[in-house]
Amino acid sequence: MSLPEGAAAAGTPSTISLDSLPIEVFLMICERIDADTLIRSLMYVNKQFYDIISDNYLWKKRAIGKFNDCNVAFMLTSAYNENTFNWKQFAWHAELEDSCWSQYETKTTTTVFSGAHFSEVDAVIMAKDGNHCMSASRDRSICMWNTTGAVDNPVVHKVDSHLGWVWDLGIYDEDHFLSCSWDSKVKLWNTSNFTSSSLPIHTFSTDAAVLSITSKENFVAAGLYCPKIIAFDPREPEKRLFELLNSHTRSIIDLCLIEDNYLISLSEDKTVSVWDLRTNNNVKSMYLSKGSRFPMCASYYDNILFIGDNRDCMYWLDCSHGLYNVLETVKLAKPLNNCRNYKLNCIKCTNYGSIITGGNEGVVYILTPTNPPKVITKIVDSGSEITSIDYQNDTLVVGYVSSDVQVWKKK
């Protein structure tokens, strides 16, 4: 490898072994090499490289240099400790997301799935295998798509999967997914054996239209078109684990699990409630803001709950130690299409590097988890209102009011 510019003296060879480089020079070289190359390749050259590149201080310096002028969500929680924080993972993800999405036209492949659904797509999810996604529509059907771009037709088109609009989808485990509908049912499906003639493994009956679902092992929660949350255990589908009442006064728009102990509910009554699943009690209810704003969507990652509302704001809640305090209220940029009110229909955070949002403007925003947020990119491929987003396994899937589904996959 060539020495840094200006390092070679008269009579010194232009190349030397990396093993013989002084540590200071090697660190200078590391600063000029992207994080992915350092972590996936260079650190495994020998033990000395491994020890140097694994050093937390190197990554802390790199990350702070990138975000020194703004608040970073994960550094504001009560659980944050700058000496134990995983700076390597943070800097790595931040660089990966910025590098990919700032040049998404060349660094991703995209496929538009159209023609199968004939009505609004209200939910999309990525399957655990990373090569398939599911979409659900107001036409009552569920489609499974191959996200590798091999074919444009659905792998499975399950017509009349419900008797009403299919409003939400959720992954239960590696082999199963969930759907919920205005027919007041939640259904559990086998992912690997899902066909156009499949029957659900279990059907859970509720008391009203189901607007939102979330799950973990042996637990499924459904938020209803009334102030009620109902929980089931798939091992005993005929029974209800419990009903959560008396915290909201209107419908439950979204649900989010925090680790194994807490369930978060977002309601049209403008409140967010925190339920302790160990006692099934409401431990906190709050208004995020005044006026006509109400929470629309939520996503959790590493002690931070990101919530989007119906009026262009994002809220960061500190979930560590059961606090659930609002850390920041982040005002998003004015919509491109001059919408009078920018409604965030969906929000997704799955790593340290990005927050992805979509709404009535019809633009996918890839943002940094900072305040103020840096817009890594705006994707305006469709222009139709965005209803749902999922981002897993280097694959972004988006559902539209136009009935289309679009996938971007990192190369």
Protein backbone atom coordinates (compact mmCIF):
# COMPACT_ATOMS: atom_id res chain seq x y z
CA MET A 1 0.00 0.00 0.00
CA SER A 2 1.27 3.51 -0.80
CA LEU A 3 2.17 5.81 2.05
CA PRO A 4 -0.02 8.86 2.73
CA GLU A 5 0.83 11.87 0.60
CA GLY A 6 3.97 13.58 1.88
CA ALA A 7 5.08 10.62 4.03
CA ALA A 8 7.73 9.25 1.66
CA ALA A 9 11.25 10.65 2.12
CA ALA A 10 14.14 10.65 -0.36
CA GLY A 11 15.45 7.14 -0.83
CA THR A 12 12.36 5.59 0.83
CA PRO A 13 10.45 2.97 -1.17
CA SER A 14 6.99 4.07 -2.34
CA THR A 15 5.36 0.97 -0.86
CA ILE A 16 5.81 -0.77 2.49
CA SER A 17 4.11 -3.60 4.35
CA LEU A 18 1.04 -2.62 6.31
CA ASP A 19 2.39 -4.67 9.20
CA SER A 20 5.32 -2.27 9.62
CA LEU A 21 3.29 0.95 9.62
CA PRO A 22 3.38 3.08 12.79
CA ILE A 23 0.04 3.06 14.58
CA GLU A 24 -0.44 6.80 13.99
CA VAL A 25 -0.05 6.36 10.24
CA PHE A 26 -2.34 3.34 10.23
CA LEU A 27 -5.02 5.34 12.05
CA MET A 28 -4.72 8.10 9.45
CA ILE A 29 -5.27 5.50 6.74
CA CYS A 30 -8.29 4.09 8.60
CA GLU A 31 -9.89 7.53 8.61
CA ARG A 32 -9.86 7.48 4.81
CA ILE A 33 -11.29 3.97 4.46
CA ASP A 34 -15.03 3.32 4.66
CA ALA A 35 -16.34 1.57 7.76
CA ASP A 36 -17.65 -1.45 5.88
CA THR A 37 -14.20 -2.26 4.46
CA LEU A 38 -12.56 -1.80 7.86
CA ILE A 39 -15.03 -4.07 9.65
CA ARG A 40 -15.57 -6.76 7.03
CA SER A 41 -12.03 -7.03 5.64
CA LEU A 42 -9.12 -5.06 7.06
CA MET A 43 -9.63 -5.91 10.73
CA TYR A 44 -9.16 -9.61 9.94
CA VAL A 45 -5.74 -9.21 8.29
CA ASN A 46 -3.94 -9.90 11.56
CA LYS A 47 -4.34 -9.62 15.33
CA GLN A 48 -2.80 -6.13 15.50
CA PHE A 49 -5.28 -4.79 12.93
CA TYR A 50 -8.11 -6.51 14.76
CA ASP A 51 -7.18 -4.90 18.08
CA ILE A 52 -6.75 -1.42 16.57
CA ILE A 53 -9.94 -1.48 14.48
CA SER A 54 -11.95 -2.93 17.38
CA ASP A 55 -10.98 -0.06 19.64
CA ASN A 56 -14.08 1.83 20.78
CA TYR A 57 -12.30 5.20 20.79
CA LEU A 58 -11.55 5.01 17.06
CA TRP A 59 -15.25 4.60 16.28
CA LYS A 60 -16.38 7.16 18.84
CA LYS A 61 -14.13 9.79 17.25
CA ARG A 62 -15.42 8.82 13.80
CA ALA A 63 -19.09 9.02 14.83
CA ILE A 64 -18.84 12.26 16.78
CA GLY A 65 -17.03 13.85 13.86
CA LYS A 66 -20.02 13.01 11.67
CA PHE A 67 -22.82 14.13 14.02
CA ASN A 68 -21.13 16.66 16.28
CA ASP A 69 -23.47 19.50 15.37
CA CYS A 70 -26.77 17.88 16.41
CA ASN A 71 -28.46 15.68 19.00
CA VAL A 72 -28.37 11.95 18.25
CA ALA A 73 -31.37 9.99 19.51
CA PHE A 74 -29.49 7.06 21.04
CA MET A 75 -27.14 9.30 23.00
CA LEU A 76 -29.93 11.04 24.91
CA THR A 77 -31.41 8.12 26.86
CA SER A 78 -30.85 7.54 30.56
CA ALA A 79 -29.23 4.20 29.68
CA TYR A 80 -26.59 5.79 27.46
CA ASN A 81 -22.98 5.52 28.62
CA GLU A 82 -20.36 6.89 26.26
CA ASN A 83 -17.79 4.39 27.50
CA THR A 84 -19.95 1.30 26.87
CA PHE A 85 -22.01 2.48 23.90
CA ASN A 86 -21.37 0.39 20.77
CA TRP A 87 -19.68 3.12 18.74
CA LYS A 88 -18.50 0.67 16.10
CA GLN A 89 -22.01 -0.48 15.27
CA PHE A 90 -23.29 3.08 15.34
CA ALA A 91 -20.62 4.49 13.00
CA TRP A 92 -20.83 1.46 10.71
CA HIS A 93 -24.59 1.65 10.26
CA ALA A 94 -24.53 5.44 9.88
CA GLU A 95 -22.00 5.17 7.02
CA LEU A 96 -23.73 2.21 5.36
CA GLU A 97 -27.12 3.91 5.29
CA ASP A 98 -25.74 7.23 4.11
CA SER A 99 -23.62 5.62 1.39
CA CYS A 100 -26.44 3.45 0.06
CA TRP A 101 -29.44 5.75 0.18
CA SER A 102 -27.69 8.93 -0.90
CA GLN A 103 -26.95 7.05 -4.13
CA TYR A 104 -29.94 4.72 -4.13
CA GLU A 105 -30.42 4.97 -7.91
CA THR A 106 -27.15 3.09 -8.45
CA LYS A 107 -26.75 1.19 -5.18
CA THR A 108 -30.19 -0.44 -5.06
CA THR A 109 -32.41 -2.28 -7.49
CA THR A 110 -36.12 -1.46 -7.51
CA THR A 111 -39.21 -3.36 -8.58
CA VAL A 112 -42.81 -2.13 -8.73
CA PHE A 113 -45.47 -4.77 -8.17
CA SER A 114 -48.80 -3.72 -9.66
CA GLY A 115 -51.96 -5.26 -11.03
CA ALA A 116 -52.64 -7.86 -8.34
CA HIS A 117 -54.38 -5.59 -5.84
CA PHE A 118 -57.16 -3.38 -7.17
CA SER A 119 -57.55 -1.24 -4.07
CA GLU A 120 -55.39 0.59 -1.55
CA VAL A 121 -52.52 -1.40 -0.03
CA ASP A 122 -52.70 -0.67 3.69
CA ALA A 123 -49.95 -2.95 5.02
CA VAL A 124 -46.63 -4.45 3.90
CA ILE A 125 -44.11 -6.61 5.78
CA MET A 126 -40.84 -8.34 4.97
CA ALA A 127 -40.65 -12.08 5.54
CA LYS A 128 -37.83 -13.37 7.74
CA ASP A 129 -36.07 -15.00 4.77
CA GLY A 130 -35.36 -11.58 3.25
CA ASN A 131 -36.48 -12.70 -0.22
CA HIS A 132 -40.24 -12.29 0.13
CA CYS A 133 -42.66 -9.66 1.32
CA MET A 134 -46.40 -9.65 1.95
CA SER A 135 -48.93 -6.95 1.12
CA ALA A 136 -52.52 -6.58 2.29
CA SER A 137 -55.26 -4.52 0.68
CA ARG A 138 -58.74 -3.13 1.05
CA ASP A 139 -59.67 -5.56 -1.71
CA ARG A 140 -59.50 -8.21 1.09
CA SER A 141 -56.54 -10.02 -0.45
CA ILE A 142 -53.02 -10.78 0.72
CA CYS A 143 -50.16 -11.14 -1.76
CA MET A 144 -46.72 -12.66 -1.30
CA TRP A 145 -44.00 -11.25 -3.58
CA ASN A 146 -40.47 -12.32 -4.48
CA THR A 147 -38.26 -9.34 -3.59
CA THR A 148 -35.27 -10.55 -5.61
CA GLY A 149 -36.91 -9.05 -8.71
CA ALA A 150 -37.04 -12.36 -10.54
CA VAL A 151 -40.75 -12.02 -11.35
CA ASP A 152 -43.29 -9.20 -11.21
CA ASN A 153 -46.27 -11.45 -10.51
CA PRO A 154 -47.15 -12.40 -6.93
CA VAL A 155 -45.86 -15.75 -5.75
CA VAL A 156 -49.20 -16.09 -3.96
CA HIS A 157 -52.40 -14.08 -4.35
CA LYS A 158 -54.76 -15.03 -1.56
CA VAL A 159 -58.14 -13.59 -2.58
CA ASP A 160 -60.73 -13.02 0.16
CA SER A 161 -58.28 -13.75 2.94
CA HIS A 162 -60.71 -11.80 5.14
CA LEU A 163 -64.30 -10.63 4.83
CA GLY A 164 -63.33 -6.98 5.20
CA TRP A 165 -60.48 -4.58 4.49
CA VAL A 166 -57.15 -6.09 5.55
CA TRP A 167 -55.68 -3.31 7.65
CA ASP A 168 -52.42 -4.59 9.16
CA LEU A 169 -49.84 -7.38 8.91
CA GLY A 170 -47.22 -8.61 11.35
CA ILE A 171 -44.48 -11.20 11.55
CA TYR A 172 -45.13 -13.70 14.35
CA ASP A 173 -41.98 -15.81 13.92
CA GLU A 174 -39.80 -17.24 11.15
CA ASP A 175 -42.59 -19.51 9.91
CA HIS A 176 -45.76 -17.53 10.56
CA PHE A 177 -47.32 -14.12 9.95
CA LEU A 178 -50.48 -12.36 11.13
CA SER A 179 -53.21 -10.36 9.41
CA CYS A 180 -56.09 -8.32 10.81
CA SER A 181 -59.20 -6.87 9.25
CA TRP A 182 -62.36 -4.86 9.51
CA ASP A 183 -64.15 -8.23 9.76
CA SER A 184 -63.06 -8.20 13.46
CA LYS A 185 -60.68 -11.12 12.93
CA VAL A 186 -56.96 -11.70 13.44
CA LYS A 187 -55.54 -14.64 11.48
CA LEU A 188 -52.30 -16.58 11.87
CA TRP A 189 -50.84 -17.96 8.61
CA ASN A 190 -48.03 -20.36 7.76
CA THR A 191 -45.48 -18.41 5.69
CA SER A 192 -43.70 -21.32 4.00
CA ASN A 193 -46.94 -23.10 3.05
CA PHE A 194 -48.93 -19.98 2.16
CA THR A 195 -50.93 -20.55 -1.04
CA SER A 196 -54.02 -19.17 -2.75
CA SER A 197 -56.06 -21.94 -1.11
CA SER A 198 -54.45 -21.76 2.35
CA LEU A 199 -56.57 -21.71 5.46
CA PRO A 200 -55.36 -19.83 8.53
CA ILE A 201 -53.79 -21.88 11.30
CA HIS A 202 -55.79 -19.93 13.87
CA THR A 203 -58.47 -17.25 13.75
CA PHE A 204 -58.92 -14.93 16.73
CA SER A 205 -62.29 -13.20 17.08
CA THR A 206 -62.53 -9.69 18.52
CA ASP A 207 -65.31 -7.24 19.32
CA ALA A 208 -64.75 -4.67 16.54
CA ALA A 209 -62.70 -3.95 13.44
CA VAL A 210 -58.99 -4.56 14.09
CA LEU A 211 -56.69 -1.68 13.11
CA SER A 212 -53.34 -2.83 14.50
CA ILE A 213 -51.49 -5.93 15.65
CA THR A 214 -48.21 -6.79 17.30
CA SER A 215 -46.80 -10.02 18.68
CA LYS A 216 -44.05 -11.98 20.39
CA GLU A 217 -43.73 -15.66 21.30
CA ASN A 218 -47.06 -17.00 22.61
CA PHE A 219 -48.59 -13.51 22.54
CA VAL A 220 -50.70 -11.58 20.01
CA ALA A 221 -52.22 -8.16 20.75
CA ALA A 222 -54.93 -6.52 18.64
CA GLY A 223 -55.89 -2.83 18.74
CA LEU A 224 -59.54 -2.26 17.87
CA TYR A 225 -61.72 0.38 16.26
CA CYS A 226 -62.85 1.19 19.79
CA PRO A 227 -60.91 1.94 23.00
CA LYS A 228 -59.87 -1.68 23.55
CA ILE A 229 -56.83 -3.93 23.17
CA ILE A 230 -57.31 -7.70 23.22
CA ALA A 231 -54.50 -10.21 23.76
CA PHE A 232 -54.40 -13.87 22.71
CA ASP A 233 -52.10 -16.87 23.09
CA PRO A 234 -51.92 -18.82 19.79
CA ARG A 235 -51.68 -22.05 21.78
CA GLU A 236 -55.22 -21.42 23.03
CA PRO A 237 -56.87 -19.35 20.27
CA GLU A 238 -60.37 -19.63 21.71
CA LYS A 239 -59.39 -17.86 24.92
CA ARG A 240 -58.40 -14.28 25.56
CA LEU A 241 -55.37 -13.62 27.71
CA PHE A 242 -56.78 -10.25 28.78
CA GLU A 243 -58.47 -7.05 27.64
CA LEU A 244 -56.92 -3.63 28.18
CA LEU A 245 -59.49 -0.89 28.80
CA ASN A 246 -60.00 2.51 30.42
CA SER A 247 -56.89 4.22 29.08
CA HIS A 248 -58.16 5.46 25.72
CA THR A 249 -61.46 6.94 24.61
CA ARG A 250 -61.17 6.30 20.86
CA SER A 251 -59.75 3.72 18.43
CA ILE A 252 -56.27 2.17 18.71
CA ILE A 253 -54.27 3.28 15.66
CA ASP A 254 -51.01 1.44 16.31
CA LEU A 255 -49.35 -0.94 18.76
CA CYS A 256 -45.68 -1.48 19.51
CA LEU A 257 -43.91 -3.95 21.81
CA ILE A 258 -40.90 -2.79 23.81
CA GLU A 259 -38.73 -5.81 24.55
CA ASP A 260 -40.93 -8.33 26.40
CA ASN A 261 -42.39 -6.23 29.18
CA TYR A 262 -44.20 -3.22 27.73
CA LEU A 263 -46.90 -2.63 25.15
CA ILE A 264 -47.35 0.85 23.66
CA SER A 265 -50.71 1.92 22.25
CA LEU A 266 -51.36 4.97 20.06
CA SER A 267 -54.91 6.25 19.91
CA GLU A 268 -57.03 8.60 17.89
CA ASP A 269 -57.87 10.28 21.20
CA LYS A 270 -54.38 11.90 20.89
CA THR A 271 -52.81 9.87 23.70
CA VAL A 272 -50.01 7.33 23.98
CA SER A 273 -50.33 4.70 26.69
CA VAL A 274 -47.75 2.38 28.21
CA TRP A 275 -48.92 -1.03 29.47
CA ASP A 276 -46.85 -3.28 31.74
CA LEU A 277 -47.49 -6.81 30.46
CA ARG A 278 -46.28 -8.32 33.73
CA THR A 279 -49.27 -6.82 35.53
CA ASN A 280 -51.51 -5.88 32.56
CA ASN A 281 -51.78 -2.39 34.01
CA ASN A 282 -51.51 1.01 32.40
CA VAL A 283 -48.41 2.64 33.90
CA LYS A 284 -48.37 5.85 31.89
CA SER A 285 -50.59 7.84 29.52
CA MET A 286 -49.53 11.05 27.84
CA TYR A 287 -50.36 13.67 25.26
CA LEU A 288 -47.38 14.30 23.01
CA SER A 289 -48.63 17.72 21.97
CA LYS A 290 -51.59 20.08 22.11
CA GLY A 291 -54.22 20.86 19.51
CA SER A 292 -55.36 18.58 16.71
CA ARG A 293 -52.22 16.43 16.56
CA PHE A 294 -52.48 12.73 17.29
CA PRO A 295 -49.96 9.86 17.03
CA MET A 296 -50.13 7.75 13.88
CA CYS A 297 -47.23 5.28 13.87
CA ALA A 298 -44.37 4.00 16.01
CA SER A 299 -41.09 2.11 15.69
CA TYR A 300 -38.67 0.97 18.41
CA TYR A 301 -34.90 0.53 18.37
CA ASP A 302 -32.34 0.45 21.21
CA ASN A 303 -34.25 2.26 23.99
CA ILE A 304 -35.81 4.83 21.66
CA LEU A 305 -39.44 4.82 20.55
CA PHE A 306 -39.91 6.92 17.41
CA ILE A 307 -43.48 8.19 16.96
CA GLY A 308 -44.87 10.05 13.95
CA ASP A 309 -48.03 12.17 14.09
CA ASN A 310 -50.60 13.49 11.64
CA ARG A 311 -49.03 16.95 11.49
CA ASP A 312 -45.37 16.63 10.40
CA CYS A 313 -43.77 15.93 13.79
CA MET A 314 -41.69 13.06 15.11
CA TYR A 315 -41.24 12.35 18.82
CA TRP A 316 -38.42 10.48 20.57
CA LEU A 317 -39.35 8.66 23.77
CA ASP A 318 -36.75 7.29 26.19
CA CYS A 319 -37.84 3.71 26.91
CA SER A 320 -34.92 2.81 29.17
CA HIS A 321 -35.66 1.94 32.81
CA GLY A 322 -39.39 2.19 32.11
CA LEU A 323 -39.27 6.00 31.90
CA TYR A 324 -41.07 6.72 28.60
CA ASN A 325 -40.21 10.41 28.73
CA VAL A 326 -40.26 12.58 25.61
CA LEU A 327 -36.68 13.44 24.71
CA GLU A 328 -37.20 15.49 21.56
CA THR A 329 -39.96 16.78 19.32
CA VAL A 330 -38.54 16.82 15.81
CA LYS A 331 -40.18 19.05 13.23
CA LEU A 332 -39.93 17.62 9.73
CA ALA A 333 -39.39 19.63 6.58
CA LYS A 334 -42.22 21.25 4.65
CA PRO A 335 -43.74 18.73 2.21
CA LEU A 336 -42.59 18.84 -1.39
CA ASN A 337 -46.08 18.81 -2.79
CA ASN A 338 -47.24 21.68 -0.58
CA CYS A 339 -49.66 19.49 1.37
CA ARG A 340 -51.39 21.68 3.91
CA ASN A 341 -50.71 19.05 6.57
CA TYR A 342 -48.06 16.37 6.27
CA LYS A 343 -49.41 13.17 7.82
CA LEU A 344 -46.89 10.49 8.76
CA ASN A 345 -48.61 7.19 8.05
CA CYS A 346 -45.57 5.03 8.77
CA ILE A 347 -42.16 5.17 10.42
CA LYS A 348 -39.40 2.56 10.63
CA CYS A 349 -36.08 2.39 12.45
CA THR A 350 -34.17 -0.90 12.34
CA ASN A 351 -30.58 0.24 12.90
CA TYR A 352 -28.48 3.17 14.12
CA GLY A 353 -28.14 4.68 10.65
CA SER A 354 -31.57 5.77 9.49
CA ILE A 355 -35.22 6.48 10.18
CA ILE A 356 -37.57 5.91 7.23
CA THR A 357 -40.90 7.72 6.97
CA GLY A 358 -43.76 7.92 4.50
CA GLY A 359 -47.11 9.67 4.38
CA ASN A 360 -49.71 11.53 2.38
CA GLU A 361 -47.05 13.45 0.46
CA GLY A 362 -46.07 10.32 -1.48
CA VAL A 363 -42.35 10.60 -0.67
CA VAL A 364 -40.14 8.09 1.13
CA TYR A 365 -37.76 10.02 3.40
CA ILE A 366 -34.53 8.39 4.60
CA LEU A 367 -33.43 10.47 7.60
CA THR A 368 -30.58 10.42 10.08
CA PRO A 369 -31.63 9.75 13.73
CA THR A 370 -30.66 13.29 14.69
CA ASN A 371 -32.27 16.58 15.59
CA PRO A 372 -32.25 18.39 13.27
CA PRO A 373 -32.60 15.37 10.97
CA LYS A 374 -30.44 15.20 7.89
CA VAL A 375 -32.37 14.08 4.81
CA ILE A 376 -30.18 11.37 3.31
CA THR A 377 -32.54 11.13 0.37
CA LYS A 378 -36.11 11.65 -0.84
CA ILE A 379 -37.57 8.92 -3.04
CA VAL A 380 -40.41 10.21 -5.19
CA ASP A 381 -40.92 7.30 -7.57
CA SER A 382 -44.70 6.99 -7.25
CA GLY A 383 -46.17 10.19 -5.88
CA SER A 384 -49.12 8.22 -4.52
CA GLU A 385 -49.82 8.43 -0.79
CA ILE A 386 -47.69 5.98 1.20
CA THR A 387 -49.59 3.82 3.66
CA SER A 388 -46.98 1.42 5.01
CA ILE A 389 -43.25 0.69 5.13
CA ASP A 390 -41.03 -2.16 6.22
CA TYR A 391 -37.24 -2.34 6.14
CA GLN A 392 -35.41 -5.59 6.88
CA ASN A 393 -32.50 -7.57 5.43
CA ASP A 394 -31.27 -4.64 3.30
CA THR A 395 -34.68 -4.48 1.61
CA LEU A 396 -37.17 -1.62 1.75
CA VAL A 397 -40.81 -2.35 0.84
CA VAL A 398 -43.48 0.35 0.50
CA GLY A 399 -47.26 0.15 0.06
CA TYR A 400 -49.28 2.83 -1.76
CA VAL A 401 -52.85 4.08 -1.94
CA SER A 402 -52.56 3.47 -5.71
CA SER A 403 -52.58 -0.32 -4.94
CA ASP A 404 -48.91 -0.71 -5.94
CA VAL A 405 -46.12 -2.24 -3.90
CA GLN A 406 -42.52 -1.13 -4.48
CA VAL A 407 -39.29 -2.75 -3.31
CA TRP A 408 -35.74 -1.38 -3.14
CA LYS A 409 -33.01 -3.94 -2.50
CA LYS A 410 -29.39 -3.08 -1.74
CA LYS A 411 -26.96 -4.47 -4.30
